Amino acid sequence: MDFELTEEQQQVKLSVREFAESEIAPHVMEWDESQHFPVELQPKMAELGFLGVLFPEEYGGAGMGYVEYATIIEELSRVDGSVGISVAAHNSLCSNHIFKYGSEEQKKKFLTPLASGKHLGAWGLTEPSAGSDASGTKSTAVRTEGGWIVNGSKNFITHAIHADTCVAMAVTDRSKRSKGISAFVFEKGMKGFSPSKKENKLGLRASETASVVFEDCFVPDENLLGEEGQGFVNAMEVLDGGRISIAALAVGIAQGAFESAVRYSQERQQFGKPISEFQAIQFKLANMATQIDAARLLMYRAAWLKDQGKKTTKESSMAKLFASEISVEVCEEAIQIHGGYGYTKDYPPEKYWRDSKLCTIGEGTSEIQRIIIAREVLRQV
C-alpha cells in the first residue's frame, strides 16, 4: 500500500501548479467579477494535455489515469475552481461519455478533437424539472427518417455557450421510464440546437453555466450515443468518474483556502504576537489540515480503484460527499481566521467559500450521495 505519488505523477502535479500560478492566479478576481470565461486558456491547456487527460493518445489524449486526473483538477482548483470545474466537465462528462459508449467512428469524429483540446465539450442531463430525479427527463427524441427530432431543454450546463460538442439525454420511449432515455451527440451549428440563459452564479463565476434548448432539432442516426434506451444508465456510470473530479475540485478549493489562512495567521498580529501562536487558531488549522488530508485520501482511493478497472460507485460518492462538505467547512474557517478581512474581496477566502458550495450540489447533491452510499452498503450485507 503506497501513499506516495510516483515521480511521474509528482512531475504532473508540479507542472500543473506552475501553470496555475503563472497563467491563472493573476486573473482570478478579474475573471470572477466579470464572469469572464477564459477561452484564452484552451490552447495552453490543450498543449499540456489537460483537456484529454483520460484518453489514449490514438484519440489525441494524454493517456493518463484517474490519479493524475484528480491531481490536475486539485491543483487547478487550488488557484481557481472555475478552471478546475471546466476541465472536469470537459473530461469526465462529455468526452468520457463518448469514450466509454461511443462507436469507433464516433470516437474518431467527436472524441479526437475533444481530447486534443481543439473542441470544447458540454454534457446535458439536468432539466428545469429533472434535477436530483434525473430519470424524470422531459426532453424527447422522436424517430424520423434517418434520425430523430429532439425537443426540450437542459439547464445548469457547463460550456453551454462555447461548446463545440454536447452530449445530452432525451426520452425515446416514455413507457420504459429510465430505460427509455437515450444519449445523443449534438454539434455546434445544428439547426434547432442553441444556448439560452447564462446563469449569474454565487461562485465559480468564470466557469460558463447556461441552458441549452432543442427546438425540432434533427439529430442523425449516427449521433445516437450508445444503445437506444441506455442513455440514463450510461450517464449514471459516467457520473461515477465525474464525482471523483468533483472531490478533487473540493479538495483543491479547500487547500487554497487553508494555505491562505495559514499565511494570514502568521502575518496577522494581535496582543503583540502572530495569531498563529494562539491555541484557538492552531486548533482550527489542525482540524482543517486533517479534514483536507482525509478527503484527499478518499479521493485518491476512488481514483486508484478506477484505474484498476474496479466499480467505484460507493467510493466515488463517499469521496465526493466528504470532500465537498469539508471544503465548505474549511473555507468558512478560513474566513473566520481572517476575521473582518475574510469577509472582503481583498483576501482569498470569500471566493473559495463561494466556490466550494457548488461541490455539495453539482453531479448529485450531498443528499443523493448519501442515498447512493446507503444503497451500496445495504447491498453488501
Protein backbone atom coordinates (compact mmCIF):
# COMPACT_ATOMS: atom_id res chain seq x y z
CA MET A 1 0.00 0.00 0.00
CA ASP A 2 1.76 3.13 -1.28
CA PHE A 3 0.57 6.59 -0.28
CA GLU A 4 3.11 8.47 -2.40
CA LEU A 5 2.67 9.74 -5.95
CA THR A 6 5.18 8.30 -8.41
CA GLU A 7 7.94 10.51 -9.73
CA GLU A 8 5.97 11.00 -12.97
CA GLN A 9 2.82 11.90 -11.04
CA GLN A 10 4.77 14.37 -8.89
CA GLN A 11 6.04 15.96 -12.09
CA VAL A 12 2.46 16.29 -13.36
CA LYS A 13 1.49 17.93 -10.07
CA LEU A 14 4.39 20.37 -10.28
CA SER A 15 3.71 21.32 -13.91
CA VAL A 16 0.02 22.00 -13.20
CA ARG A 17 0.91 24.10 -10.17
CA GLU A 18 3.36 26.18 -12.20
CA PHE A 19 0.75 26.68 -14.92
CA ALA A 20 -1.96 27.65 -12.44
CA GLU A 21 0.29 30.10 -10.58
CA SER A 22 1.54 31.82 -13.74
CA GLU A 23 -1.43 31.69 -16.13
CA ILE A 24 -4.48 31.72 -13.81
CA ALA A 25 -3.59 33.30 -10.45
CA PRO A 26 -3.01 36.87 -11.75
CA HIS A 27 -6.53 36.97 -13.25
CA VAL A 28 -8.69 35.14 -10.68
CA MET A 29 -10.61 38.07 -9.21
CA GLU A 30 -10.87 39.92 -12.53
CA TRP A 31 -12.46 36.86 -14.17
CA ASP A 32 -14.70 36.26 -11.16
CA GLU A 33 -16.01 39.82 -11.06
CA SER A 34 -16.72 39.98 -14.80
CA GLN A 35 -17.83 36.35 -15.15
CA HIS A 36 -15.29 36.04 -17.93
CA PHE A 37 -14.96 32.51 -19.32
CA PRO A 38 -11.22 32.28 -20.09
CA VAL A 39 -11.29 30.72 -23.55
CA GLU A 40 -7.75 32.03 -24.00
CA LEU A 41 -6.57 29.21 -21.72
CA GLN A 42 -7.92 26.48 -24.01
CA PRO A 43 -4.93 26.18 -26.38
CA LYS A 44 -2.47 26.32 -23.48
CA MET A 45 -4.31 23.61 -21.54
CA ALA A 46 -4.65 21.54 -24.71
CA GLU A 47 -0.88 21.68 -25.22
CA LEU A 48 -0.34 20.41 -21.67
CA GLY A 49 -2.85 17.58 -22.12
CA PHE A 50 -5.36 18.86 -19.57
CA LEU A 51 -8.29 18.52 -22.00
CA GLY A 52 -7.65 14.87 -22.80
CA VAL A 53 -6.22 13.51 -19.58
CA LEU A 54 -8.07 10.18 -19.52
CA PHE A 55 -7.98 9.23 -23.18
CA PRO A 56 -5.48 7.22 -25.23
CA GLU A 57 -3.01 9.00 -27.48
CA GLU A 58 -4.64 7.40 -30.53
CA TYR A 59 -7.61 9.73 -29.91
CA GLY A 60 -5.46 12.77 -29.22
CA GLY A 61 -5.43 12.31 -25.44
CA ALA A 62 -2.67 12.37 -22.85
CA GLY A 63 -3.08 8.70 -21.92
CA MET A 64 -3.06 9.27 -18.17
CA GLY A 65 -5.21 7.76 -15.40
CA TYR A 66 -7.62 8.96 -12.74
CA VAL A 67 -4.88 9.52 -10.14
CA GLU A 68 -3.17 12.00 -12.46
CA TYR A 69 -6.56 13.42 -13.41
CA ALA A 70 -7.55 14.05 -9.78
CA THR A 71 -4.15 15.65 -9.17
CA ILE A 72 -4.63 18.01 -12.14
CA ILE A 73 -8.13 19.07 -11.05
CA GLU A 74 -6.96 19.62 -7.46
CA GLU A 75 -4.01 21.79 -8.49
CA LEU A 76 -6.09 23.92 -10.87
CA SER A 77 -8.82 24.35 -8.23
CA ARG A 78 -6.30 25.30 -5.56
CA VAL A 79 -5.90 28.51 -7.59
CA ASP A 80 -9.32 28.81 -9.24
CA GLY A 81 -12.16 26.31 -9.01
CA SER A 82 -13.75 27.82 -12.12
CA VAL A 83 -10.95 26.45 -14.28
CA GLY A 84 -10.96 23.18 -12.36
CA ILE A 85 -14.66 22.53 -12.93
CA SER A 86 -14.39 23.43 -16.63
CA VAL A 87 -11.62 20.88 -17.15
CA ALA A 88 -13.61 18.35 -15.11
CA ALA A 89 -16.84 18.77 -17.10
CA HIS A 90 -14.98 18.55 -20.41
CA ASN A 91 -13.07 15.38 -19.45
CA SER A 92 -15.31 13.42 -17.07
CA LEU A 93 -18.68 14.02 -18.65
CA CYS A 94 -18.84 14.90 -22.34
CA SER A 95 -15.59 13.34 -23.56
CA ASN A 96 -15.75 10.33 -21.25
CA HIS A 97 -19.33 9.50 -22.24
CA ILE A 98 -18.21 9.31 -25.87
CA PHE A 99 -15.08 7.35 -24.96
CA LYS A 100 -16.96 4.77 -22.88
CA TYR A 101 -20.03 4.24 -25.05
CA GLY A 102 -19.31 5.66 -28.49
CA SER A 103 -18.62 3.63 -31.60
CA GLU A 104 -15.16 3.71 -33.16
CA GLU A 105 -16.47 6.13 -35.78
CA GLN A 106 -17.91 8.41 -33.09
CA LYS A 107 -14.65 8.36 -31.15
CA LYS A 108 -12.68 9.36 -34.22
CA LYS A 109 -15.16 12.06 -35.20
CA PHE A 110 -16.05 13.56 -31.81
CA LEU A 111 -13.56 12.38 -29.16
CA THR A 112 -10.36 13.14 -31.06
CA PRO A 113 -10.97 16.92 -31.37
CA LEU A 114 -12.22 16.98 -27.75
CA ALA A 115 -9.25 15.06 -26.30
CA SER A 116 -6.75 17.10 -28.31
CA GLY A 117 -8.34 20.31 -27.00
CA LYS A 118 -9.39 21.64 -30.40
CA HIS A 119 -13.04 21.34 -29.37
CA LEU A 120 -14.78 22.04 -26.06
CA GLY A 121 -17.37 19.67 -24.64
CA ALA A 122 -20.64 20.02 -22.71
CA TRP A 123 -22.91 17.39 -21.13
CA GLY A 124 -26.63 17.76 -20.53
CA LEU A 125 -28.63 15.73 -18.02
CA THR A 126 -30.26 18.27 -15.67
CA GLU A 127 -33.53 19.93 -16.70
CA PRO A 128 -35.75 22.54 -15.03
CA SER A 129 -37.97 19.77 -13.61
CA ALA A 130 -35.37 16.96 -13.52
CA GLY A 131 -32.53 17.63 -11.09
CA SER A 132 -31.94 15.01 -8.41
CA ASP A 133 -34.64 12.97 -10.18
CA ALA A 134 -32.69 12.86 -13.43
CA SER A 135 -34.84 9.96 -14.66
CA GLY A 136 -37.70 12.49 -14.86
CA THR A 137 -36.26 13.87 -18.11
CA LYS A 138 -38.85 15.69 -20.20
CA SER A 139 -36.81 16.31 -23.37
CA THR A 140 -37.97 13.99 -26.15
CA ALA A 141 -36.43 12.39 -29.22
CA VAL A 142 -38.95 11.12 -31.79
CA ARG A 143 -37.92 8.85 -34.64
CA THR A 144 -37.99 10.27 -38.13
CA GLU A 145 -36.43 9.24 -41.41
CA GLY A 146 -32.67 8.99 -40.95
CA GLY A 147 -32.63 10.12 -37.33
CA TRP A 148 -34.51 11.83 -34.54
CA ILE A 149 -36.33 15.09 -33.85
CA VAL A 150 -35.38 16.40 -30.41
CA ASN A 151 -37.36 18.94 -28.38
CA GLY A 152 -36.76 20.16 -24.85
CA SER A 153 -34.10 21.92 -22.80
CA LYS A 154 -31.27 21.36 -20.33
CA ASN A 155 -30.09 23.74 -17.65
CA PHE A 156 -27.01 24.34 -15.48
CA ILE A 157 -24.82 23.14 -18.36
CA THR A 158 -21.10 23.89 -18.18
CA HIS A 159 -19.82 25.29 -21.51
CA ALA A 160 -23.36 25.57 -22.92
CA ILE A 161 -22.43 28.65 -24.95
CA HIS A 162 -18.89 27.88 -26.13
CA ALA A 163 -19.13 24.09 -26.53
CA ASP A 164 -18.47 22.57 -29.94
CA THR A 165 -19.89 19.20 -28.88
CA CYS A 166 -22.68 18.44 -26.42
CA VAL A 167 -23.82 15.03 -25.18
CA ALA A 168 -27.41 15.20 -23.91
CA MET A 169 -30.14 12.81 -22.83
CA ALA A 170 -33.69 12.65 -24.21
CA VAL A 171 -36.66 10.30 -23.80
CA THR A 172 -37.07 7.87 -26.69
CA ASP A 173 -39.66 5.59 -25.03
CA ARG A 174 -41.67 7.08 -22.16
CA SER A 175 -43.18 3.69 -21.21
CA LYS A 176 -39.76 2.32 -20.22
CA ARG A 177 -39.05 5.15 -17.75
CA SER A 178 -35.30 5.40 -17.03
CA LYS A 179 -34.58 2.65 -19.59
CA GLY A 180 -36.34 4.68 -22.25
CA ILE A 181 -33.82 7.54 -22.14
CA SER A 182 -31.14 7.72 -24.83
CA ALA A 183 -27.99 9.81 -25.31
CA PHE A 184 -27.24 11.90 -28.39
CA VAL A 185 -24.30 13.94 -29.64
CA PHE A 186 -25.19 17.49 -30.66
CA GLU A 187 -22.84 19.59 -32.74
CA LYS A 188 -22.46 23.35 -32.69
CA GLY A 189 -24.40 24.87 -35.56
CA MET A 190 -27.08 22.17 -35.71
CA LYS A 191 -30.40 23.75 -36.66
CA GLY A 192 -32.68 23.87 -33.63
CA PHE A 193 -29.85 23.47 -31.10
CA SER A 194 -28.83 26.65 -29.29
CA PRO A 195 -27.62 28.04 -25.94
CA SER A 196 -30.01 30.05 -23.81
CA LYS A 197 -29.90 31.88 -20.48
CA LYS A 198 -26.49 32.26 -18.86
CA GLU A 199 -26.65 31.90 -15.08
CA ASN A 200 -25.46 34.67 -12.75
CA LYS A 201 -23.88 32.46 -10.10
CA LEU A 202 -22.78 32.77 -6.49
CA GLY A 203 -19.40 31.15 -7.16
CA LEU A 204 -17.30 29.54 -9.88
CA ARG A 205 -18.28 32.60 -11.87
CA ALA A 206 -15.56 32.24 -14.51
CA SER A 207 -16.94 28.84 -15.45
CA GLU A 208 -19.65 29.24 -18.05
CA THR A 209 -23.03 27.83 -16.98
CA ALA A 210 -26.12 28.25 -19.15
CA SER A 211 -29.14 26.45 -20.60
CA VAL A 212 -29.42 24.73 -23.96
CA VAL A 213 -32.61 24.45 -25.99
CA PHE A 214 -33.69 21.89 -28.58
CA GLU A 215 -36.40 23.08 -30.98
CA ASP A 216 -37.27 20.47 -33.61
CA CYS A 217 -33.57 19.67 -33.75
CA PHE A 218 -32.79 16.91 -36.25
CA VAL A 219 -30.14 14.50 -34.99
CA PRO A 220 -28.90 11.87 -37.48
CA ASP A 221 -28.90 8.19 -36.52
CA GLU A 222 -25.10 8.15 -36.37
CA ASN A 223 -25.26 10.64 -33.47
CA LEU A 224 -27.15 8.24 -31.19
CA LEU A 225 -24.57 7.55 -28.48
CA GLY A 226 -24.58 4.00 -27.13
CA GLU A 227 -27.62 1.76 -27.31
CA GLU A 228 -31.10 3.20 -27.58
CA GLY A 229 -32.68 3.36 -24.11
CA GLN A 230 -29.33 3.08 -22.29
CA GLY A 231 -28.54 6.80 -22.08
CA PHE A 232 -29.62 7.26 -18.47
CA VAL A 233 -27.97 4.02 -17.32
CA ASN A 234 -24.73 5.03 -19.04
CA ALA A 235 -24.95 8.56 -17.62
CA MET A 236 -25.07 7.16 -14.09
CA GLU A 237 -21.89 5.18 -14.79
CA VAL A 238 -20.22 8.26 -16.27
CA LEU A 239 -21.03 10.12 -13.03
CA ASP A 240 -19.03 7.56 -11.01
CA GLY A 241 -15.90 9.04 -12.60
CA GLY A 242 -17.25 12.57 -12.59
CA ARG A 243 -17.73 12.51 -8.83
CA ILE A 244 -14.03 11.79 -8.35
CA SER A 245 -13.29 15.01 -10.21
CA ILE A 246 -15.74 16.94 -8.01
CA ALA A 247 -13.99 15.51 -4.94
CA ALA A 248 -10.71 16.77 -6.44
CA LEU A 249 -12.30 20.16 -7.12
CA ALA A 250 -13.43 20.36 -3.48
CA VAL A 251 -10.04 19.29 -2.12
CA GLY A 252 -8.26 21.87 -4.27
CA ILE A 253 -10.57 24.69 -3.19
CA ALA A 254 -10.15 23.68 0.46
CA GLN A 255 -6.36 23.52 0.08
CA GLY A 256 -6.24 27.01 -1.41
CA ALA A 257 -8.35 28.42 1.43
CA PHE A 258 -6.26 26.60 4.04
CA GLU A 259 -2.96 27.92 2.67
CA SER A 260 -4.39 31.44 2.69
CA ALA A 261 -5.43 31.01 6.35
CA VAL A 262 -2.01 29.69 7.36
CA ARG A 263 -0.23 32.63 5.71
CA TYR A 264 -2.57 35.17 7.23
CA SER A 265 -2.32 33.65 10.73
CA GLN A 266 1.47 34.03 10.61
CA GLU A 267 1.28 37.64 9.43
CA ARG A 268 -1.62 38.99 11.50
CA GLN A 269 -0.52 40.41 14.87
CA GLN A 270 -2.85 40.70 17.85
CA PHE A 271 -1.94 41.20 21.50
CA GLY A 272 1.68 41.60 20.44
CA LYS A 273 2.19 38.33 18.56
CA PRO A 274 1.04 36.46 15.41
CA ILE A 275 -2.41 34.93 15.84
CA SER A 276 -0.88 31.59 14.75
CA GLU A 277 0.59 31.39 18.26
CA PHE A 278 -2.87 31.28 19.84
CA GLN A 279 -4.22 27.83 20.57
CA ALA A 280 -7.68 28.73 19.26
CA ILE A 281 -6.20 29.38 15.80
CA GLN A 282 -3.86 26.39 15.98
CA PHE A 283 -6.79 24.06 16.69
CA LYS A 284 -8.66 25.46 13.69
CA LEU A 285 -5.65 24.91 11.42
CA ALA A 286 -5.11 21.39 12.80
CA ASN A 287 -8.73 20.45 12.11
CA MET A 288 -8.60 21.94 8.62
CA ALA A 289 -5.38 20.11 7.72
CA THR A 290 -6.78 16.80 8.98
CA GLN A 291 -10.05 17.20 7.11
CA ILE A 292 -8.28 18.02 3.85
CA ASP A 293 -5.93 15.04 4.16
CA ALA A 294 -8.82 12.69 4.88
CA ALA A 295 -10.75 14.00 1.87
CA ARG A 296 -7.68 13.67 -0.34
CA LEU A 297 -7.18 10.05 0.71
CA LEU A 298 -10.80 9.23 -0.13
CA MET A 299 -10.34 10.96 -3.48
CA TYR A 300 -7.17 9.04 -4.32
CA ARG A 301 -8.67 5.73 -3.20
CA ALA A 302 -11.57 6.18 -5.63
CA ALA A 303 -9.18 7.32 -8.39
CA TRP A 304 -6.84 4.36 -7.84
CA LEU A 305 -9.72 1.88 -7.87
CA LYS A 306 -10.97 3.46 -11.10
CA ASP A 307 -7.53 2.99 -12.64
CA GLN A 308 -7.67 -0.70 -11.62
CA GLY A 309 -10.91 -1.09 -13.55
CA LYS A 310 -12.99 -1.57 -10.39
CA LYS A 311 -16.53 -0.39 -9.82
CA THR A 312 -16.36 2.79 -7.71
CA THR A 313 -19.99 3.80 -7.19
CA LYS A 314 -19.72 3.80 -3.40
CA GLU A 315 -16.15 5.07 -3.20
CA SER A 316 -16.76 7.91 -5.67
CA SER A 317 -19.84 9.04 -3.75
CA MET A 318 -18.01 8.83 -0.42
CA ALA A 319 -15.14 10.92 -1.76
CA LYS A 320 -17.47 13.46 -3.32
CA LEU A 321 -19.72 13.71 -0.24
CA PHE A 322 -16.94 14.08 2.32
CA ALA A 323 -14.66 16.32 0.26
CA SER A 324 -17.44 18.71 -0.74
CA GLU A 325 -18.79 19.13 2.78
CA ILE A 326 -15.39 19.61 4.41
CA SER A 327 -14.49 22.08 1.66
CA VAL A 328 -17.34 24.33 2.72
CA GLU A 329 -16.29 23.93 6.38
CA VAL A 330 -12.61 24.64 5.72
CA CYS A 331 -13.39 27.71 3.63
CA GLU A 332 -15.69 29.06 6.32
CA GLU A 333 -12.99 28.56 8.96
CA ALA A 334 -10.52 30.35 6.68
CA ILE A 335 -12.88 33.34 6.66
CA GLN A 336 -13.12 33.15 10.46
CA ILE A 337 -9.34 33.15 10.83
CA HIS A 338 -9.14 36.23 8.59
CA GLY A 339 -11.82 37.94 10.70
CA GLY A 340 -13.36 41.01 9.10
CA TYR A 341 -10.83 40.90 6.28
CA GLY A 342 -12.08 37.45 5.34
CA TYR A 343 -15.46 38.98 4.54
CA THR A 344 -13.94 41.30 1.95
CA LYS A 345 -12.79 40.67 -1.61
CA ASP A 346 -9.31 41.87 -0.71
CA TYR A 347 -8.49 38.41 0.64
CA PRO A 348 -8.99 34.97 -0.97
CA PRO A 349 -11.25 33.06 1.49
CA GLU A 350 -14.58 34.65 0.49
CA LYS A 351 -14.15 33.45 -3.10
CA TYR A 352 -13.04 29.96 -2.05
CA TRP A 353 -16.11 29.78 0.18
CA ARG A 354 -18.46 30.84 -2.63
CA ASP A 355 -16.83 28.35 -4.99
CA SER A 356 -16.93 25.47 -2.52
CA LYS A 357 -20.71 25.35 -2.14
CA LEU A 358 -21.34 24.08 -5.67
CA CYS A 359 -19.36 20.93 -4.80
CA THR A 360 -22.19 19.85 -2.46
CA ILE A 361 -24.74 20.29 -5.27
CA GLY A 362 -23.24 19.51 -8.69
CA GLU A 363 -23.15 15.95 -10.07
CA GLY A 364 -25.52 14.80 -7.35
CA THR A 365 -26.28 16.64 -4.12
CA SER A 366 -24.95 15.51 -0.75
CA GLU A 367 -28.37 14.03 -0.06
CA ILE A 368 -28.22 11.94 -3.25
CA GLN A 369 -24.69 10.78 -2.35
CA ARG A 370 -25.96 9.51 0.99
CA ILE A 371 -28.73 7.60 -0.76
CA ILE A 372 -26.21 6.02 -3.14
CA ILE A 373 -23.79 5.11 -0.33
CA ALA A 374 -26.56 3.61 1.80
CA ARG A 375 -27.85 1.60 -1.14
CA GLU A 376 -24.39 0.21 -1.86
CA VAL A 377 -23.72 -0.58 1.80
CA LEU A 378 -27.03 -2.43 2.16
CA ARG A 379 -26.27 -4.46 -0.97
CA GLN A 380 -23.10 -5.72 0.66
CA VAL A 381 -24.82 -7.02 3.79
